[in-house]
C-alpha atoms as a PDB file:
ATOM      1  CA  MET A   1      99.926  95.195 119.216  1.00  0.00           C
ATOM      2  CA  ASN A   2      96.415  93.639 119.489  1.00  0.00           C
ATOM      3  CA  THR A   3      94.935  94.760 116.109  1.00  0.00           C
ATOM      4  CA  GLU A   4      91.619  92.895 116.864  1.00  0.00           C
ATOM      5  CA  ALA A   5      91.019  95.516 119.793  1.00  0.00           C
ATOM      6  CA  ILE A   6      91.621  98.317 117.613  1.00  0.00           C
ATOM      7  CA  ILE A   7      89.800  97.402 114.593  1.00  0.00           C
ATOM      8  CA  PRO A   8      86.129  96.454 115.135  1.00  0.00           C
ATOM      9  CA  PHE A   9      84.526  93.927 112.724  1.00  0.00           C
ATOM     10  CA  ASP A  10      81.631  96.087 111.973  1.00  0.00           C
ATOM     11  CA  ASP A  11      83.603  99.588 111.581  1.00  0.00           C
ATOM     12  CA  LYS A  12      81.838 100.735 108.551  1.00  0.00           C
ATOM     13  CA  PRO A  13      80.055 103.885 108.936  1.00  0.00           C
ATOM     14  CA  LEU A  14      76.176 103.909 108.639  1.00  0.00           C
ATOM     15  CA  TRP A  15      76.271 105.712 105.131  1.00  0.00           C
ATOM     16  CA  ARG A  16      78.627 103.049 103.775  1.00  0.00           C
ATOM     17  CA  ARG A  17      76.500 100.220 104.983  1.00  0.00           C
ATOM     18  CA  SER A  18      73.239 101.944 103.699  1.00  0.00           C
ATOM     19  CA  ARG A  19      74.869 102.406 100.322  1.00  0.00           C
ATOM     20  CA  ILE A  20      75.794  98.892 100.029  1.00  0.00           C
ATOM     21  CA  ASN A  21      72.494  97.820 101.030  1.00  0.00           C
ATOM     22  CA  LEU A  22      70.899 100.056  98.595  1.00  0.00           C
ATOM     23  CA  VAL A  23      73.177  98.214  95.819  1.00  0.00           C
ATOM     24  CA  HIS A  24      71.890  95.015  96.948  1.00  0.00           C
ATOM     25  CA  VAL A  25      68.279  96.009  96.816  1.00  0.00           C
ATOM     26  CA  GLY A  26      68.714  97.559  93.311  1.00  0.00           C
ATOM     27  CA  LEU A  27      70.327  94.241  92.031  1.00  0.00           C
ATOM     28  CA  LEU A  28      67.475  92.239  93.485  1.00  0.00           C
ATOM     29  CA  VAL A  29      64.950  94.406  91.631  1.00  0.00           C
ATOM     30  CA  LEU A  30      66.788  94.149  88.483  1.00  0.00           C
ATOM     31  CA  ILE A  31      66.977  90.303  88.947  1.00  0.00           C
ATOM     32  CA  LEU A  32      63.329  90.118  89.429  1.00  0.00           C
ATOM     33  CA  ALA A  33      62.742  92.310  86.508  1.00  0.00           C
ATOM     34  CA  LEU A  34      64.842  90.330  84.049  1.00  0.00           C
ATOM     35  CA  ILE A  35      62.941  87.149  85.243  1.00  0.00           C
ATOM     36  CA  GLY A  36      59.557  89.008  84.840  1.00  0.00           C
ATOM     37  CA  LEU A  37      60.720  90.381  81.077  1.00  0.00           C
ATOM     38  CA  GLY A  38      61.992  86.794  80.206  1.00  0.00           C
ATOM     39  CA  ALA A  39      58.882  85.224  81.327  1.00  0.00           C
ATOM     40  CA  VAL A  40      56.843  87.502  79.185  1.00  0.00           C
ATOM     41  CA  TYR A  41      59.020  86.860  76.078  1.00  0.00           C
ATOM     42  CA  THR A  42      58.854  83.031  76.543  1.00  0.00           C
ATOM     43  CA  ASP A  43      57.734  80.341  79.065  1.00  0.00           C
ATOM     44  CA  ARG A  44      60.929  78.752  78.922  1.00  0.00           C
ATOM     45  CA  PHE A  45      63.007  81.482  80.412  1.00  0.00           C
ATOM     46  CA  ALA A  46      61.470  81.168  83.795  1.00  0.00           C
ATOM     47  CA  SER A  47      61.378  77.270  83.866  1.00  0.00           C
ATOM     48  CA  THR A  48      63.282  75.183  86.168  1.00  0.00           C
ATOM     49  CA  SER A  49      65.699  73.640  83.478  1.00  0.00           C
ATOM     50  CA  ASN A  50      66.582  77.278  82.281  1.00  0.00           C
ATOM     51  CA  MET A  51      67.197  78.532  86.001  1.00  0.00           C
ATOM     52  CA  LEU A  52      69.543  75.577  86.408  1.00  0.00           C
ATOM     53  CA  ASN A  53      71.198  76.448  83.405  1.00  0.00           C
ATOM     54  CA  VAL A  54      71.865  79.845  84.701  1.00  0.00           C
ATOM     55  CA  ALA A  55      72.961  78.576  87.788  1.00  0.00           C
ATOM     56  CA  ARG A  56      75.622  76.470  85.997  1.00  0.00           C
ATOM     57  CA  ALA A  57      76.775  79.428  83.951  1.00  0.00           C
ATOM     58  CA  ALA A  58      77.126  81.537  87.129  1.00  0.00           C
ATOM     59  CA  VAL A  59      79.748  78.972  88.726  1.00  0.00           C
ATOM     60  CA  VAL A  60      83.025  80.184  87.125  1.00  0.00           C
ATOM     61  CA  PRO A  61      82.032  84.054  87.393  1.00  0.00           C
ATOM     62  CA  LEU A  62      81.108  83.490  90.898  1.00  0.00           C
ATOM     63  CA  LEU A  63      84.437  81.501  91.616  1.00  0.00           C
ATOM     64  CA  ILE A  64      86.523  84.308  90.035  1.00  0.00           C
ATOM     65  CA  GLY A  65      84.504  87.254  91.326  1.00  0.00           C
ATOM     66  CA  ILE A  66      84.755  86.072  94.854  1.00  0.00           C
ATOM     67  CA  GLY A  67      88.563  85.971  94.484  1.00  0.00           C
ATOM     68  CA  GLN A  68      88.619  89.347  92.549  1.00  0.00           C
ATOM     69  CA  THR A  69      86.510  90.974  95.258  1.00  0.00           C
ATOM     70  CA  VAL A  70      88.907  90.082  97.986  1.00  0.00           C
ATOM     71  CA  VAL A  71      91.999  91.628  95.985  1.00  0.00           C
ATOM     72  CA  VAL A  72      90.009  94.816  95.205  1.00  0.00           C
ATOM     73  CA  LEU A  73      89.114  95.185  98.856  1.00  0.00           C
ATOM     74  CA  THR A  74      92.795  95.597  99.611  1.00  0.00           C
ATOM     75  CA  SER A  75      92.969  98.360  96.954  1.00  0.00           C
ATOM     76  CA  ALA A  76      94.559  95.857  94.304  1.00  0.00           C
ATOM     77  CA  ILE A  77      93.392  94.096  91.174  1.00  0.00           C
ATOM     78  CA  ASP A  78      94.435  90.853  89.568  1.00  0.00           C
ATOM     79  CA  LEU A  79      94.532  90.764  86.052  1.00  0.00           C
ATOM     80  CA  SER A  80      96.239  87.285  85.880  1.00  0.00           C
ATOM     81  CA  ILE A  81      92.947  85.371  86.654  1.00  0.00           C
ATOM     82  CA  GLY A  82      92.345  84.320  82.953  1.00  0.00           C
ATOM     83  CA  SER A  83      95.978  83.034  82.679  1.00  0.00           C
ATOM     84  CA  VAL A  84      95.604  80.971  85.780  1.00  0.00           C
ATOM     85  CA  ILE A  85      92.217  79.464  84.641  1.00  0.00           C
ATOM     86  CA  SER A  86      94.322  78.410  81.393  1.00  0.00           C
ATOM     87  CA  LEU A  87      97.266  77.105  83.371  1.00  0.00           C
ATOM     88  CA  SER A  88      94.985  75.059  85.909  1.00  0.00           C
ATOM     89  CA  GLY A  89      93.062  73.674  82.923  1.00  0.00           C
ATOM     90  CA  VAL A  90      95.936  72.407  80.979  1.00  0.00           C
ATOM     91  CA  LEU A  91      97.941  71.088  84.028  1.00  0.00           C
ATOM     92  CA  THR A  92      94.789  69.127  85.082  1.00  0.00           C
ATOM     93  CA  ALA A  93      94.508  67.528  81.833  1.00  0.00           C
ATOM     94  CA  VAL A  94      98.022  66.801  81.228  1.00  0.00           C
ATOM     95  CA  LEU A  95      98.856  65.515  84.652  1.00  0.00           C
ATOM     96  CA  ALA A  96      95.609  63.215  84.785  1.00  0.00           C
ATOM     97  CA  GLU A  97      96.006  61.906  81.552  1.00  0.00           C
ATOM     98  CA  GLN A  98      92.391  60.989  81.381  1.00  0.00           C
ATOM     99  CA  ASP A  99      92.938  58.715  84.528  1.00  0.00           C
ATOM    100  CA  ALA A 100      90.565  59.597  87.412  1.00  0.00           C
ATOM    101  CA  THR A 101      92.662  57.624  89.769  1.00  0.00           C
ATOM    102  CA  ARG A 102      95.204  60.394  89.412  1.00  0.00           C
ATOM    103  CA  LEU A 103      92.839  63.192  90.668  1.00  0.00           C
ATOM    104  CA  TRP A 104      93.510  62.751  94.272  1.00  0.00           C
ATOM    105  CA  TRP A 105      96.936  64.206  93.779  1.00  0.00           C
ATOM    106  CA  VAL A 106      96.463  66.214  90.578  1.00  0.00           C
ATOM    107  CA  ILE A 107      93.995  68.449  91.962  1.00  0.00           C
ATOM    108  CA  PRO A 108      96.066  69.507  94.993  1.00  0.00           C
ATOM    109  CA  THR A 109      99.307  69.910  92.911  1.00  0.00           C
ATOM    110  CA  VAL A 110      97.391  72.187  90.460  1.00  0.00           C
ATOM    111  CA  MET A 111      95.818  74.267  93.215  1.00  0.00           C
ATOM    112  CA  VAL A 112      99.423  74.757  94.844  1.00  0.00           C
ATOM    113  CA  ILE A 113     100.991  75.666  91.744  1.00  0.00           C
ATOM    114  CA  CYS A 114      98.054  78.244  90.831  1.00  0.00           C
ATOM    115  CA  MET A 115      98.067  79.767  94.517  1.00  0.00           C
ATOM    116  CA  SER A 116     101.851  80.036  93.964  1.00  0.00           C
ATOM    117  CA  VAL A 117     101.198  82.384  91.094  1.00  0.00           C
ATOM    118  CA  GLY A 118      99.135  84.601  93.355  1.00  0.00           C
ATOM    119  CA  LEU A 119     101.812  84.490  96.234  1.00  0.00           C
ATOM    120  CA  ILE A 120     104.484  85.883  93.529  1.00  0.00           C
ATOM    121  CA  ASN A 121     101.842  88.697  92.432  1.00  0.00           C
ATOM    122  CA  GLY A 122     101.560  89.615  96.105  1.00  0.00           C
ATOM    123  CA  LEU A 123     105.440  89.652  96.714  1.00  0.00           C
ATOM    124  CA  ILE A 124     105.986  91.675  93.733  1.00  0.00           C
ATOM    125  CA  VAL A 125     103.313  94.199  94.485  1.00  0.00           C
ATOM    126  CA  THR A 126     104.262  94.668  98.181  1.00  0.00           C
ATOM    127  CA  GLN A 127     108.122  94.100  98.192  1.00  0.00           C
ATOM    128  CA  LEU A 128     108.887  95.642  94.814  1.00  0.00           C
ATOM    129  CA  LYS A 129     106.313  98.171  94.891  1.00  0.00           C
ATOM    130  CA  VAL A 130     104.939  97.367  91.367  1.00  0.00           C
ATOM    131  CA  HIS A 131     101.546  98.595  90.603  1.00  0.00           C
ATOM    132  CA  PRO A 132      98.986  95.540  90.759  1.00  0.00           C
ATOM    133  CA  ILE A 133      97.987  96.392  87.252  1.00  0.00           C
ATOM    134  CA  ILE A 134     101.540  96.242  85.715  1.00  0.00           C
ATOM    135  CA  CYS A 135     102.447  93.236  87.821  1.00  0.00           C
ATOM    136  CA  THR A 136      99.485  91.102  86.987  1.00  0.00           C
ATOM    137  CA  LEU A 137      99.779  91.809  83.353  1.00  0.00           C
ATOM    138  CA  GLY A 138     103.215  90.613  83.418  1.00  0.00           C
ATOM    139  CA  THR A 139     102.533  87.421  85.285  1.00  0.00           C
ATOM    140  CA  SER A 140      99.448  86.908  83.234  1.00  0.00           C
ATOM    141  CA  ALA A 141     101.616  87.062  80.129  1.00  0.00           C
ATOM    142  CA  ILE A 142     104.285  84.588  81.736  1.00  0.00           C
ATOM    143  CA  VAL A 143     101.696  82.143  82.839  1.00  0.00           C
ATOM    144  CA  GLN A 144      99.809  82.253  79.486  1.00  0.00           C
ATOM    145  CA  GLY A 145     103.031  81.474  77.899  1.00  0.00           C
ATOM    146  CA  CYS A 146     103.779  78.529  80.138  1.00  0.00           C
ATOM    147  CA  ALA A 147     100.379  77.124  79.614  1.00  0.00           C
ATOM    148  CA  LEU A 148     101.067  77.261  75.765  1.00  0.00           C
ATOM    149  CA  LEU A 149     104.146  75.606  76.204  1.00  0.00           C
ATOM    150  CA  ILE A 150     102.688  72.793  78.624  1.00  0.00           C
ATOM    151  CA  ALA A 151      99.897  72.064  75.899  1.00  0.00           C
ATOM    152  CA  PRO A 152      99.991  73.884  72.565  1.00  0.00           C
ATOM    153  CA  VAL A 153      96.545  72.125  71.606  1.00  0.00           C
ATOM    154  CA  PRO A 154      93.594  71.281  73.906  1.00  0.00           C
ATOM    155  CA  LYS A 155      93.992  67.895  76.026  1.00  0.00           C
ATOM    156  CA  LEU A 156      91.210  65.783  76.976  1.00  0.00           C
ATOM    157  CA  GLY A 157      90.633  65.521  80.873  1.00  0.00           C
ATOM    158  CA  PRO A 158      89.077  62.668  82.901  1.00  0.00           C
ATOM    159  CA  TYR A 159      85.477  62.131  82.101  1.00  0.00           C
ATOM    160  CA  GLN A 160      84.828  61.976  85.863  1.00  0.00           C
ATOM    161  CA  LEU A 161      85.186  65.610  86.297  1.00  0.00           C
ATOM    162  CA  GLU A 162      81.998  66.038  84.073  1.00  0.00           C
ATOM    163  CA  ASN A 163      80.199  64.951  87.481  1.00  0.00           C
ATOM    164  CA  LEU A 164      81.377  68.194  88.831  1.00  0.00           C
ATOM    165  CA  ALA A 165      79.827  70.282  86.158  1.00  0.00           C
ATOM    166  CA  PHE A 166      76.661  68.386  85.057  1.00  0.00           C
ATOM    167  CA  GLU A 167      75.537  66.214  88.149  1.00  0.00           C
ATOM    168  CA  ASP A 168      73.011  67.889  90.595  1.00  0.00           C
ATOM    169  CA  THR A 169      72.639  67.249  94.260  1.00  0.00           C
ATOM    170  CA  LEU A 170      69.472  67.742  95.678  1.00  0.00           C
ATOM    171  CA  GLY A 171      68.142  69.363  92.305  1.00  0.00           C
ATOM    172  CA  ILE A 172      71.016  72.019  92.719  1.00  0.00           C
ATOM    173  CA  PRO A 173      74.438  71.656  90.208  1.00  0.00           C
ATOM    174  CA  ASN A 174      77.221  70.537  92.085  1.00  0.00           C
ATOM    175  CA  GLY A 175      79.402  73.372  90.854  1.00  0.00           C
ATOM    176  CA  THR A 176      76.779  75.946  91.993  1.00  0.00           C
ATOM    177  CA  LEU A 177      76.836  74.224  95.603  1.00  0.00           C
ATOM    178  CA  LEU A 178      80.626  74.443  95.726  1.00  0.00           C
ATOM    179  CA  ALA A 179      80.664  78.002  94.538  1.00  0.00           C
ATOM    180  CA  LEU A 180      77.963  78.969  97.026  1.00  0.00           C
ATOM    181  CA  ALA A 181      80.037  77.204  99.716  1.00  0.00           C
ATOM    182  CA  LEU A 182      83.060  79.302  98.840  1.00  0.00           C
ATOM    183  CA  PHE A 183      80.858  82.462  99.102  1.00  0.00           C
ATOM    184  CA  ALA A 184      79.535  81.568 102.465  1.00  0.00           C
ATOM    185  CA  VAL A 185      83.082  80.804 103.852  1.00  0.00           C
ATOM    186  CA  THR A 186      84.346  83.912 102.301  1.00  0.00           C
ATOM    187  CA  LEU A 187      81.492  86.069 103.520  1.00  0.00           C
ATOM    188  CA  LEU A 188      82.071  84.738 107.257  1.00  0.00           C
ATOM    189  CA  ALA A 189      85.757  85.405 107.109  1.00  0.00           C
ATOM    190  CA  LEU A 190      85.469  88.902 105.829  1.00  0.00           C
ATOM    191  CA  ARG A 191      82.885  89.621 108.485  1.00  0.00           C
ATOM    192  CA  LYS A 192      83.639  87.497 111.622  1.00  0.00           C
ATOM    193  CA  PHE A 193      87.442  86.861 111.497  1.00  0.00           C
ATOM    194  CA  PRO A 194      90.527  88.996 111.957  1.00  0.00           C
ATOM    195  CA  ILE A 195      91.693  88.486 108.440  1.00  0.00           C
ATOM    196  CA  GLY A 196      88.521  90.167 107.218  1.00  0.00           C
ATOM    197  CA  ALA A 197      88.922  93.238 109.415  1.00  0.00           C
ATOM    198  CA  ARG A 198      92.582  93.491 108.218  1.00  0.00           C
ATOM    199  CA  ILE A 199      91.569  93.230 104.543  1.00  0.00           C
ATOM    200  CA  TYR A 200      89.296  96.111 105.084  1.00  0.00           C
ATOM    201  CA  ALA A 201      91.724  98.069 107.174  1.00  0.00           C
ATOM    202  CA  VAL A 202      94.577  97.701 104.295  1.00  0.00           C
ATOM    203  CA  GLY A 203      92.093  98.516 101.565  1.00  0.00           C
ATOM    204  CA  GLY A 204      90.886 101.719 103.439  1.00  0.00           C
ATOM    205  CA  ASP A 205      94.246 103.106 104.496  1.00  0.00           C
ATOM    206  CA  GLU A 206      97.478 100.938 104.152  1.00  0.00           C
ATOM    207  CA  HIS A 207      99.529 103.448 105.986  1.00  0.00           C
ATOM    208  CA  ALA A 208      97.251 103.658 108.749  1.00  0.00           C
ATOM    209  CA  ALA A 209      96.903  99.813 108.869  1.00  0.00           C
ATOM    210  CA  ARG A 210     100.810  99.369 109.058  1.00  0.00           C
ATOM    211  CA  ILE A 211     100.916 101.834 112.055  1.00  0.00           C
ATOM    212  CA  MET A 212      98.422  99.804 113.918  1.00  0.00           C
ATOM    213  CA  GLY A 213     100.587  96.846 113.635  1.00  0.00           C
ATOM    214  CA  ILE A 214      98.993  95.002 110.726  1.00  0.00           C
ATOM    215  CA  ASN A 215     101.141  93.063 108.662  1.00  0.00           C
ATOM    216  CA  THR A 216     100.107  94.402 105.109  1.00  0.00           C
ATOM    217  CA  THR A 217     102.349  92.397 103.093  1.00  0.00           C
ATOM    218  CA  PHE A 218     100.868  89.320 104.459  1.00  0.00           C
ATOM    219  CA  VAL A 219      97.195  90.594 104.057  1.00  0.00           C
ATOM    220  CA  VAL A 220      97.963  91.667 100.473  1.00  0.00           C
ATOM    221  CA  CYS A 221      99.611  88.306  99.810  1.00  0.00           C
ATOM    222  CA  ILE A 222      96.732  86.274 101.182  1.00  0.00           C
ATOM    223  CA  ALA A 223      94.418  88.086  98.850  1.00  0.00           C
ATOM    224  CA  PHE A 224      96.355  87.204  95.822  1.00  0.00           C
ATOM    225  CA  VAL A 225      96.752  83.764  96.735  1.00  0.00           C
ATOM    226  CA  PHE A 226      93.011  83.347  97.344  1.00  0.00           C
ATOM    227  CA  SER A 227      92.281  85.137  94.086  1.00  0.00           C
ATOM    228  CA  ALA A 228      94.566  82.666  92.367  1.00  0.00           C
ATOM    229  CA  GLY A 229      93.254  79.554  93.897  1.00  0.00           C
ATOM    230  CA  CYS A 230      89.688  80.509  93.144  1.00  0.00           C
ATOM    231  CA  ALA A 231      90.933  80.755  89.511  1.00  0.00           C
ATOM    232  CA  GLY A 232      92.567  77.632  89.885  1.00  0.00           C
ATOM    233  CA  PHE A 233      89.666  75.814  90.901  1.00  0.00           C
ATOM    234  CA  ALA A 234      87.610  77.527  88.037  1.00  0.00           C
ATOM    235  CA  GLY A 235      89.970  76.052  85.563  1.00  0.00           C
ATOM    236  CA  ILE A 236      89.453  72.463  87.114  1.00  0.00           C
ATOM    237  CA  TYR A 237      85.717  73.171  87.074  1.00  0.00           C
ATOM    238  CA  MET A 238      86.002  74.043  83.279  1.00  0.00           C
ATOM    239  CA  VAL A 239      88.097  70.843  82.331  1.00  0.00           C
ATOM    240  CA  GLY A 240      84.869  69.095  83.470  1.00  0.00           C
ATOM    241  CA  LEU A 241      82.524  71.427  81.818  1.00  0.00           C
ATOM    242  CA  LEU A 242      84.286  71.347  78.326  1.00  0.00           C
ATOM    243  CA  GLY A 243      85.692  67.906  78.560  1.00  0.00           C
ATOM    244  CA  SER A 244      89.294  69.418  77.831  1.00  0.00           C
ATOM    245  CA  GLY A 245      91.785  71.724  79.101  1.00  0.00           C
ATOM    246  CA  SER A 246      92.823  74.430  76.664  1.00  0.00           C
ATOM    247  CA  PRO A 247      95.803  76.976  76.978  1.00  0.00           C
ATOM    248  CA  ILE A 248      93.371  79.690  75.876  1.00  0.00           C
ATOM    249  CA  MET A 249      90.286  78.567  78.069  1.00  0.00           C
ATOM    250  CA  GLY A 250      90.617  81.384  80.382  1.00  0.00           C
ATOM    251  CA  GLN A 251      90.910  84.318  77.825  1.00  0.00           C
ATOM    252  CA  GLY A 252      88.456  87.080  78.641  1.00  0.00           C
ATOM    253  CA  TYR A 253      87.797  86.097  82.117  1.00  0.00           C
ATOM    254  CA  GLU A 254      89.676  89.030  83.363  1.00  0.00           C
ATOM    255  CA  LEU A 255      86.540  91.255  82.594  1.00  0.00           C
ATOM    256  CA  THR A 256      84.126  88.512  83.820  1.00  0.00           C
ATOM    257  CA  SER A 257      85.935  88.614  87.113  1.00  0.00           C
ATOM    258  CA  ILE A 258      85.765  92.593  87.621  1.00  0.00           C
ATOM    259  CA  ALA A 259      82.244  93.173  86.144  1.00  0.00           C
ATOM    260  CA  PRO A 260      80.322  91.652  89.159  1.00  0.00           C
ATOM    261  CA  VAL A 261      82.685  93.133  91.551  1.00  0.00           C
ATOM    262  CA  VAL A 262      82.098  96.859  90.433  1.00  0.00           C
ATOM    263  CA  LEU A 263      78.422  96.346  89.851  1.00  0.00           C
ATOM    264  CA  GLY A 264      78.228  94.651  93.222  1.00  0.00           C
ATOM    265  CA  GLY A 265      79.310  97.948  94.871  1.00  0.00           C
ATOM    266  CA  THR A 266      82.827  97.197  95.865  1.00  0.00           C
ATOM    267  CA  LEU A 267      84.951 100.221  95.275  1.00  0.00           C
ATOM    268  CA  LEU A 268      88.078  99.809  93.037  1.00  0.00           C
ATOM    269  CA  ALA A 269      89.843 102.114  95.485  1.00  0.00           C
ATOM    270  CA  GLY A 270      89.508  99.458  98.263  1.00  0.00           C
ATOM    271  CA  GLY A 271      88.130  99.090 101.618  1.00  0.00           C
ATOM    272  CA  SER A 272      84.382  98.937 100.995  1.00  0.00           C
ATOM    273  CA  GLY A 273      82.090  96.646  99.448  1.00  0.00           C
ATOM    274  CA  GLY A 274      81.996  92.732  99.919  1.00  0.00           C
ATOM    275  CA  VAL A 275      81.029  89.541  98.278  1.00  0.00           C
ATOM    276  CA  GLY A 276      77.250  89.808  98.857  1.00  0.00           C
ATOM    277  CA  GLY A 277      76.931  92.436  95.900  1.00  0.00           C
ATOM    278  CA  THR A 278      79.238  90.181  93.913  1.00  0.00           C
ATOM    279  CA  LEU A 279      76.799  87.144  94.354  1.00  0.00           C
ATOM    280  CA  LEU A 280      73.861  89.201  93.398  1.00  0.00           C
ATOM    281  CA  ALA A 281      75.563  90.809  90.511  1.00  0.00           C
ATOM    282  CA  VAL A 282      77.007  87.384  89.062  1.00  0.00           C
ATOM    283  CA  PHE A 283      73.430  86.065  88.884  1.00  0.00           C
ATOM    284  CA  PHE A 284      72.231  89.297  87.478  1.00  0.00           C
ATOM    285  CA  MET A 285      74.835  89.098  84.554  1.00  0.00           C
ATOM    286  CA  ALA A 286      73.951  85.477  84.149  1.00  0.00           C
ATOM    287  CA  LEU A 287      70.404  86.186  83.852  1.00  0.00           C
ATOM    288  CA  LEU A 288      70.816  88.968  81.398  1.00  0.00           C
ATOM    289  CA  ASN A 289      73.047  86.737  79.225  1.00  0.00           C
ATOM    290  CA  SER A 290      70.476  84.072  79.189  1.00  0.00           C
ATOM    291  CA  LEU A 291      67.848  86.509  78.295  1.00  0.00           C
ATOM    292  CA  LEU A 292      69.971  87.968  75.504  1.00  0.00           C
ATOM    293  CA  ASN A 293      70.648  84.407  74.160  1.00  0.00           C
ATOM    294  CA  PHE A 294      66.939  83.774  74.096  1.00  0.00           C
ATOM    295  CA  LEU A 295      66.560  87.143  72.032  1.00  0.00           C
ATOM    296  CA  GLN A 296      69.203  85.894  69.901  1.00  0.00           C
ATOM    297  CA  VAL A 297      71.485  88.777  70.528  1.00  0.00           C
ATOM    298  CA  SER A 298      74.948  88.408  69.176  1.00  0.00           C
ATOM    299  CA  THR A 299      77.751  87.585  71.710  1.00  0.00           C
ATOM    300  CA  PHE A 300      79.486  90.665  70.478  1.00  0.00           C
ATOM    301  CA  TYR A 301      76.721  92.953  71.554  1.00  0.00           C
ATOM    302  CA  GLN A 302      76.557  91.141  74.763  1.00  0.00           C
ATOM    303  CA  TRP A 303      80.435  92.114  75.291  1.00  0.00           C
ATOM    304  CA  VAL A 304      79.538  95.643  74.344  1.00  0.00           C
ATOM    305  CA  ILE A 305      76.545  95.684  76.898  1.00  0.00           C
ATOM    306  CA  GLN A 306      78.758  93.969  79.747  1.00  0.00           C
ATOM    307  CA  GLY A 307      81.350  97.018  79.093  1.00  0.00           C
ATOM    308  CA  VAL A 308      78.710  99.722  79.255  1.00  0.00           C
ATOM    309  CA  ILE A 309      77.320  98.100  82.541  1.00  0.00           C
ATOM    310  CA  ILE A 310      80.953  98.208  84.176  1.00  0.00           C
ATOM    311  CA  LEU A 311      81.477 101.952  82.921  1.00  0.00           C
ATOM    312  CA  VAL A 312      78.063 103.113  84.470  1.00  0.00           C
ATOM    313  CA  ALA A 313      78.693 101.019  87.764  1.00  0.00           C
ATOM    314  CA  VAL A 314      82.268 102.472  88.176  1.00  0.00           C
ATOM    315  CA  SER A 315      81.133 105.932  87.345  1.00  0.00           C
ATOM    316  CA  THR A 316      78.106 105.596  89.869  1.00  0.00           C
ATOM    317  CA  PHE A 317      80.418 104.535  92.529  1.00  0.00           C
ATOM    318  CA  SER A 318      83.760 106.414  91.905  1.00  0.00           C
ATOM    319  CA  HIS A 319      82.653 109.800  93.266  1.00  0.00           C
ATOM    320  CA  ARG A 320      81.793 108.117  96.736  1.00  0.00           C
ATOM    321  CA  LYS A 321      84.516 108.793  99.394  1.00  0.00           C
ATOM    322  CA  ARG A 322      85.715 105.925 101.385  1.00  0.00           C
ATOM    323  CA  ALA A 323      85.227 106.221 104.900  1.00  0.00           C
END
């Protein structure tokens, strides 16, 4: 059956498009407000150097937020992201052994292993009918255990990876450029390619999507593989950022991946939202954390604030019905 003829790419009703646009406008206003408040508090906040630091801080949340958004759009969720980051980091450090000449095969190998975790998640969810939360919690524990077995203590990585984390191109951090490139490709795929329409269709009504001839197993598996790939690349980036691969470097990033998704207007029920809101939410959260650091607010309070933001965002959008 020709699903492209059945599912138009711009099949979202006017009210849903308007709501997402309002979310984007609201986030832009909040971003400008934060910049203004920070500039009033100190001239250093709005400086070029601090904005570059914010851009660097946004790389990992943006990478994993993009992957999580795609999974959530299918009406699932991926709680194994943190463990995949840890596995990616230790594998990169252990396999490379501080030798940059090995990176040409180490990076593809690590990415394939990480994406295999995503494939396993997708198959368990679709074939064994295990709820995504339970499935990814289970695989998270297994992957975290594997990371600890591979490297119980942090291992030094090739210093050449630091170029990815700290070097700039045309004044923009390399990591930020790569994350924005991934964002652009994902946005294009969701809006203009058949896989994007199928992702929204599966998240909107999986039963109806199956009736229309969509291979829902394939779509969900692709979403989980993509999410794990994003987490795997984030782990490699963090090796360059930290100079080593740690078996616990991904702890807590599950929340970091979910926060911009819900704050950006993507419904946890699936079928509505997109990576545009995730991008804006990531930079809003990065700016907020930067401002809180300038105000010398404890990291523990920052976690509390992040949790409150998630609860507010979820409660704001949860009463909206999907189209």
